[in-house]
């Protein structure tokens, strides 16, 4: 099983609001995905900071995230951390 399919399965199995009788199932699913999206964004920021502290280049970080080095810097770079 690939990392992508494993991650997909974890996302599909995540339940926080699903099963809540007060909202429709489709809305609950969106709440769940929104919560995951925010958590992932925060964890990626932390991981990028750790990667920079470990002296990974922006090219390495961008490659790992599937974006260009310039996109990684634009999204996660702190002022003065463009080396």
N, C-alpha and C. Protein backbone atom coordinates (compact mmCIF):
# COMPACT_ATOMS: atom_id res chain seq x y z
N UNK A 1 0.85 -1.18 0.00
CA UNK A 1 0.00 0.00 0.00
C UNK A 1 0.89 1.24 0.00
N UNK A 2 0.58 2.20 -0.85
CA UNK A 2 1.38 3.42 -0.92
C UNK A 2 1.06 4.34 0.26
N UNK A 3 1.96 5.27 0.49
CA UNK A 3 1.74 6.24 1.56
C UNK A 3 0.48 7.06 1.29
N UNK A 4 0.26 7.40 0.01
CA UNK A 4 -0.91 8.20 -0.33
C UNK A 4 -2.21 7.44 -0.05
N UNK A 5 -2.26 6.16 -0.42
CA UNK A 5 -3.49 5.41 -0.19
C UNK A 5 -3.69 5.14 1.29
N UNK A 6 -2.62 4.96 2.03
CA UNK A 6 -2.74 4.79 3.48
C UNK A 6 -3.27 6.06 4.13
N UNK A 7 -2.72 7.21 3.72
CA UNK A 7 -3.19 8.49 4.26
C UNK A 7 -4.66 8.70 3.90
N UNK A 8 -5.03 8.39 2.67
CA UNK A 8 -6.41 8.52 2.24
C UNK A 8 -7.32 7.68 3.12
N UNK A 9 -6.91 6.45 3.40
CA UNK A 9 -7.73 5.58 4.25
C UNK A 9 -7.89 6.15 5.66
N UNK A 10 -6.83 6.73 6.20
CA UNK A 10 -6.93 7.35 7.52
C UNK A 10 -7.93 8.50 7.52
N UNK A 11 -7.85 9.31 6.48
CA UNK A 11 -8.78 10.45 6.38
C UNK A 11 -10.22 9.95 6.28
N UNK A 12 -10.43 8.94 5.46
CA UNK A 12 -11.79 8.42 5.28
C UNK A 12 -12.35 7.81 6.56
N UNK A 13 -11.47 7.32 7.43
CA UNK A 13 -11.91 6.69 8.66
C UNK A 13 -12.05 7.67 9.82
N UNK A 14 -11.55 8.91 9.66
CA UNK A 14 -11.61 9.88 10.74
C UNK A 14 -13.05 10.27 11.02
N UNK A 15 -13.43 10.22 12.28
CA UNK A 15 -14.79 10.58 12.69
C UNK A 15 -14.72 11.50 13.90
N UNK A 16 -15.28 12.67 13.76
CA UNK A 16 -15.38 13.58 14.87
C UNK A 16 -16.84 14.01 14.98
N UNK A 17 -17.36 14.63 13.94
CA UNK A 17 -18.75 15.06 13.94
C UNK A 17 -19.68 14.07 13.24
N UNK A 18 -19.12 13.17 12.46
CA UNK A 18 -19.97 12.21 11.77
C UNK A 18 -20.70 11.36 12.79
N UNK A 19 -21.96 11.16 12.55
CA UNK A 19 -22.80 10.45 13.51
C UNK A 19 -23.52 11.39 14.46
N UNK A 20 -23.21 12.70 14.37
CA UNK A 20 -23.89 13.71 15.20
C UNK A 20 -25.32 13.84 14.69
N UNK A 21 -26.31 13.53 15.51
CA UNK A 21 -27.69 13.56 15.03
C UNK A 21 -28.23 14.97 14.76
N UNK A 22 -27.49 15.99 15.19
CA UNK A 22 -27.97 17.37 15.03
C UNK A 22 -27.66 17.98 13.68
N UNK A 23 -26.78 17.35 12.89
CA UNK A 23 -26.44 17.91 11.58
C UNK A 23 -26.45 16.80 10.54
N UNK A 24 -26.71 17.17 9.27
CA UNK A 24 -26.70 16.15 8.21
C UNK A 24 -25.31 15.53 8.06
N UNK A 25 -25.29 14.30 7.61
CA UNK A 25 -24.03 13.55 7.45
C UNK A 25 -23.04 14.28 6.53
N UNK A 26 -23.52 14.87 5.44
CA UNK A 26 -22.63 15.59 4.52
C UNK A 26 -21.98 16.79 5.22
N UNK A 27 -22.73 17.49 6.04
CA UNK A 27 -22.18 18.63 6.77
C UNK A 27 -21.18 18.15 7.83
N UNK A 28 -21.49 17.05 8.49
CA UNK A 28 -20.57 16.49 9.49
C UNK A 28 -19.25 16.12 8.84
N UNK A 29 -19.32 15.52 7.66
CA UNK A 29 -18.10 15.14 6.94
C UNK A 29 -17.25 16.36 6.63
N UNK A 30 -17.90 17.45 6.22
CA UNK A 30 -17.16 18.69 5.94
C UNK A 30 -16.51 19.24 7.21
N UNK A 31 -17.21 19.19 8.33
CA UNK A 31 -16.61 19.61 9.61
C UNK A 31 -15.36 18.78 9.90
N UNK A 32 -15.48 17.47 9.71
CA UNK A 32 -14.35 16.58 9.97
C UNK A 32 -13.17 16.92 9.06
N UNK A 33 -13.43 17.11 7.78
CA UNK A 33 -12.35 17.43 6.84
C UNK A 33 -11.73 18.79 7.14
N UNK A 34 -12.55 19.76 7.54
CA UNK A 34 -12.02 21.07 7.91
C UNK A 34 -11.10 20.98 9.12
N UNK A 35 -11.49 20.18 10.11
CA UNK A 35 -10.65 19.99 11.30
C UNK A 35 -9.32 19.35 10.92
N UNK A 36 -9.38 18.34 10.07
CA UNK A 36 -8.14 17.69 9.60
C UNK A 36 -7.27 18.66 8.82
N UNK A 37 -7.88 19.46 7.97
CA UNK A 37 -7.13 20.41 7.14
C UNK A 37 -6.36 21.41 8.02
N UNK A 38 -7.02 21.93 9.03
CA UNK A 38 -6.35 22.89 9.93
C UNK A 38 -5.23 22.22 10.71
N UNK A 39 -5.48 21.01 11.19
CA UNK A 39 -4.45 20.30 11.95
C UNK A 39 -3.24 20.00 11.07
N UNK A 40 -3.48 19.55 9.85
CA UNK A 40 -2.38 19.23 8.95
C UNK A 40 -1.57 20.48 8.61
N UNK A 41 -2.24 21.59 8.37
CA UNK A 41 -1.53 22.83 8.05
C UNK A 41 -0.60 23.23 9.20
N UNK A 42 -1.07 23.08 10.42
CA UNK A 42 -0.25 23.43 11.58
C UNK A 42 0.94 22.48 11.72
N UNK A 43 0.70 21.19 11.54
CA UNK A 43 1.77 20.20 11.66
C UNK A 43 2.81 20.39 10.56
N UNK A 44 2.38 20.73 9.35
CA UNK A 44 3.33 20.96 8.26
C UNK A 44 4.20 22.17 8.58
N UNK A 45 3.61 23.24 9.11
CA UNK A 45 4.42 24.41 9.48
C UNK A 45 5.49 24.05 10.50
N UNK A 46 5.11 23.25 11.49
CA UNK A 46 6.07 22.82 12.50
C UNK A 46 7.17 21.97 11.86
N UNK A 47 6.77 21.05 10.99
CA UNK A 47 7.74 20.17 10.33
C UNK A 47 8.70 20.97 9.44
N UNK A 48 8.19 21.98 8.76
CA UNK A 48 9.06 22.82 7.92
C UNK A 48 10.06 23.56 8.80
N UNK A 49 9.60 24.08 9.93
CA UNK A 49 10.52 24.74 10.86
C UNK A 49 11.60 23.79 11.36
N UNK A 50 11.20 22.57 11.68
CA UNK A 50 12.17 21.56 12.11
C UNK A 50 13.15 21.24 10.98
N UNK A 51 12.63 21.13 9.76
CA UNK A 51 13.49 20.83 8.60
C UNK A 51 14.51 21.93 8.39
N UNK A 52 14.07 23.18 8.51
CA UNK A 52 15.01 24.30 8.35
C UNK A 52 16.05 24.28 9.46
N UNK A 53 15.63 23.95 10.69
CA UNK A 53 16.57 23.86 11.80
C UNK A 53 17.60 22.75 11.56
N UNK A 54 17.17 21.70 10.85
CA UNK A 54 18.06 20.61 10.49
C UNK A 54 18.83 20.90 9.19
N UNK A 55 18.72 22.13 8.70
CA UNK A 55 19.45 22.64 7.55
C UNK A 55 19.04 22.02 6.22
N UNK A 56 17.79 21.57 6.10
CA UNK A 56 17.29 21.17 4.78
C UNK A 56 17.12 22.44 3.96
N UNK A 57 17.37 22.32 2.66
CA UNK A 57 17.22 23.47 1.77
C UNK A 57 15.74 23.65 1.42
N UNK A 58 15.42 24.82 0.90
CA UNK A 58 14.05 25.06 0.44
C UNK A 58 13.71 24.15 -0.73
N UNK A 59 14.71 23.80 -1.52
CA UNK A 59 14.48 22.85 -2.62
C UNK A 59 14.08 21.49 -2.07
N UNK A 60 14.78 21.01 -1.05
CA UNK A 60 14.43 19.72 -0.43
C UNK A 60 13.03 19.76 0.19
N UNK A 61 12.73 20.85 0.86
CA UNK A 61 11.42 20.99 1.49
C UNK A 61 10.33 21.05 0.43
N UNK A 62 10.54 21.85 -0.60
CA UNK A 62 9.57 21.94 -1.68
C UNK A 62 9.34 20.60 -2.35
N UNK A 63 10.43 19.88 -2.62
CA UNK A 63 10.31 18.55 -3.23
C UNK A 63 9.48 17.62 -2.35
N UNK A 64 9.74 17.63 -1.06
CA UNK A 64 9.01 16.76 -0.14
C UNK A 64 7.52 17.10 -0.09
N UNK A 65 7.21 18.38 -0.25
CA UNK A 65 5.81 18.83 -0.19
C UNK A 65 5.14 18.86 -1.56
N UNK A 66 5.90 18.59 -2.61
CA UNK A 66 5.33 18.58 -3.95
C UNK A 66 5.10 19.96 -4.54
N UNK A 67 5.92 20.93 -4.09
CA UNK A 67 5.82 22.30 -4.61
C UNK A 67 7.24 22.77 -4.95
N UNK A 68 7.33 23.91 -5.60
CA UNK A 68 8.65 24.47 -5.91
C UNK A 68 9.27 25.05 -4.64
N UNK A 69 10.58 25.25 -4.71
CA UNK A 69 11.27 25.89 -3.59
C UNK A 69 10.70 27.29 -3.34
N UNK A 70 10.39 28.00 -4.43
CA UNK A 70 9.84 29.35 -4.30
C UNK A 70 8.47 29.32 -3.61
N UNK A 71 7.66 28.33 -3.94
CA UNK A 71 6.34 28.23 -3.30
C UNK A 71 6.50 27.89 -1.82
N UNK A 72 7.46 27.04 -1.48
CA UNK A 72 7.70 26.69 -0.08
C UNK A 72 8.15 27.92 0.71
N UNK A 73 9.06 28.70 0.12
CA UNK A 73 9.52 29.92 0.79
C UNK A 73 8.36 30.90 0.97
N UNK A 74 7.57 31.08 -0.08
CA UNK A 74 6.44 32.02 0.00
C UNK A 74 5.46 31.61 1.09
N UNK A 75 5.23 30.32 1.23
CA UNK A 75 4.24 29.85 2.20
C UNK A 75 4.80 29.75 3.61
N UNK A 76 6.03 29.27 3.75
CA UNK A 76 6.55 28.94 5.07
C UNK A 76 7.78 29.74 5.50
N UNK A 77 8.37 30.50 4.59
CA UNK A 77 9.59 31.23 4.91
C UNK A 77 9.34 32.36 5.89
N UNK A 78 10.22 32.48 6.81
CA UNK A 78 10.19 33.61 7.73
C UNK A 78 11.15 34.66 7.20
N UNK A 79 10.90 35.90 7.54
CA UNK A 79 11.77 36.96 7.05
C UNK A 79 13.23 36.66 7.37
N UNK A 80 14.08 36.70 6.37
CA UNK A 80 15.49 36.43 6.55
C UNK A 80 15.86 34.97 6.44
N UNK A 81 14.88 34.07 6.25
CA UNK A 81 15.17 32.63 6.17
C UNK A 81 14.97 32.14 4.75
N UNK A 82 15.68 32.74 3.82
CA UNK A 82 15.52 32.39 2.41
C UNK A 82 16.73 31.69 1.84
N UNK A 83 17.69 31.35 2.68
CA UNK A 83 18.92 30.71 2.19
C UNK A 83 18.66 29.31 1.72
